[in-house]
């Protein structure tokens, strides 16, 4: 991994560990949009980490796994959760 890439990932890790929030946007084939928002969890061991290791490509061994703890869900502008 290049030094530049390491620096970029270091900042991302700092943000995650500082309690940053995250979101994922889904758009259906029909054009409906759904957004899921929440806290980002960081796992270096445990069930989530072990599951990630099962499907993550061997060329990317992974040092940790992140998971979005869902706190809000929207369909367009309508809040569902």
Protein backbone atom coordinates (compact mmCIF):
# COMPACT_ATOMS: atom_id res chain seq x y z
CA UNK A 1 0.00 0.00 0.00
CA UNK A 2 1.43 3.40 -0.95
CA UNK A 3 2.18 6.04 1.67
CA UNK A 4 -0.54 8.31 0.20
CA UNK A 5 -3.16 5.58 0.50
CA UNK A 6 -2.06 4.85 4.07
CA UNK A 7 -2.47 8.52 4.97
CA UNK A 8 -5.95 8.66 3.46
CA UNK A 9 -7.04 5.55 5.34
CA UNK A 10 -5.50 6.90 8.55
CA UNK A 11 -7.77 9.97 8.34
CA UNK A 12 -10.80 7.74 7.65
CA UNK A 13 -9.96 5.60 10.67
CA UNK A 14 -9.54 8.72 12.83
CA UNK A 15 -12.99 9.92 11.73
CA UNK A 16 -14.61 6.54 12.47
CA UNK A 17 -12.99 6.29 15.90
CA UNK A 18 -14.03 9.89 16.67
CA UNK A 19 -17.68 8.89 16.31
CA UNK A 20 -18.49 9.98 12.77
CA UNK A 21 -21.89 9.11 11.37
CA UNK A 22 -22.42 7.43 8.01
CA UNK A 23 -25.13 6.83 5.45
CA UNK A 24 -25.89 4.48 2.59
CA UNK A 25 -28.08 5.45 -0.35
CA UNK A 26 -30.07 2.81 -2.26
CA UNK A 27 -31.89 3.56 -5.51
CA UNK A 28 -34.27 0.94 -6.88
CA UNK A 29 -34.70 0.06 -10.54
CA UNK A 30 -37.99 1.97 -10.34
CA UNK A 31 -36.14 5.11 -9.22
CA UNK A 32 -37.22 5.11 -5.56
CA UNK A 33 -34.50 6.21 -3.17
CA UNK A 34 -33.86 4.93 0.33
CA UNK A 35 -31.24 6.28 2.70
CA UNK A 36 -30.03 4.56 5.86
CA UNK A 37 -28.15 6.67 8.44
CA UNK A 38 -26.39 5.83 11.67
CA UNK A 39 -23.26 5.39 13.72
CA UNK A 40 -20.25 3.57 12.32
CA UNK A 41 -18.97 0.66 14.41
CA UNK A 42 -15.36 -0.54 14.08
CA UNK A 43 -14.56 -4.22 14.73
CA UNK A 44 -11.07 -5.76 14.91
CA UNK A 45 -12.41 -9.04 16.33
CA UNK A 46 -15.69 -10.80 16.99
CA UNK A 47 -18.54 -12.11 14.84
CA UNK A 48 -18.74 -9.23 12.34
CA UNK A 49 -14.99 -9.26 11.79
CA UNK A 50 -14.90 -13.05 11.34
CA UNK A 51 -17.82 -12.92 8.88
CA UNK A 52 -16.05 -10.26 6.81
CA UNK A 53 -12.95 -12.45 6.65
CA UNK A 54 -15.04 -15.26 5.05
CA UNK A 55 -16.09 -13.30 1.96
CA UNK A 56 -13.40 -10.62 1.68
CA UNK A 57 -10.98 -11.40 -1.20
CA UNK A 58 -7.69 -12.96 -0.09
CA UNK A 59 -5.75 -10.18 -1.86
CA UNK A 60 -7.40 -7.74 0.60
CA UNK A 61 -6.90 -9.49 3.94
CA UNK A 62 -8.62 -6.79 5.99
CA UNK A 63 -7.51 -5.46 9.34
CA UNK A 64 -10.95 -4.58 10.64
CA UNK A 65 -14.60 -4.39 9.63
CA UNK A 66 -16.99 -1.49 9.86
CA UNK A 67 -20.75 -1.73 10.27
CA UNK A 68 -23.46 0.89 10.10
CA UNK A 69 -25.68 0.83 13.20
CA UNK A 70 -28.99 1.89 11.66
CA UNK A 71 -30.61 4.83 13.48
CA UNK A 72 -32.69 6.46 10.73
CA UNK A 73 -34.25 5.29 7.45
CA UNK A 74 -35.75 7.52 4.78
CA UNK A 75 -37.72 6.86 1.60
CA UNK A 76 -37.12 10.03 -0.36
CA UNK A 77 -37.86 12.81 2.14
CA UNK A 78 -40.18 10.62 4.26
CA UNK A 79 -38.68 9.36 7.50
CA UNK A 80 -39.54 5.67 8.01
CA UNK A 81 -37.49 5.05 11.18
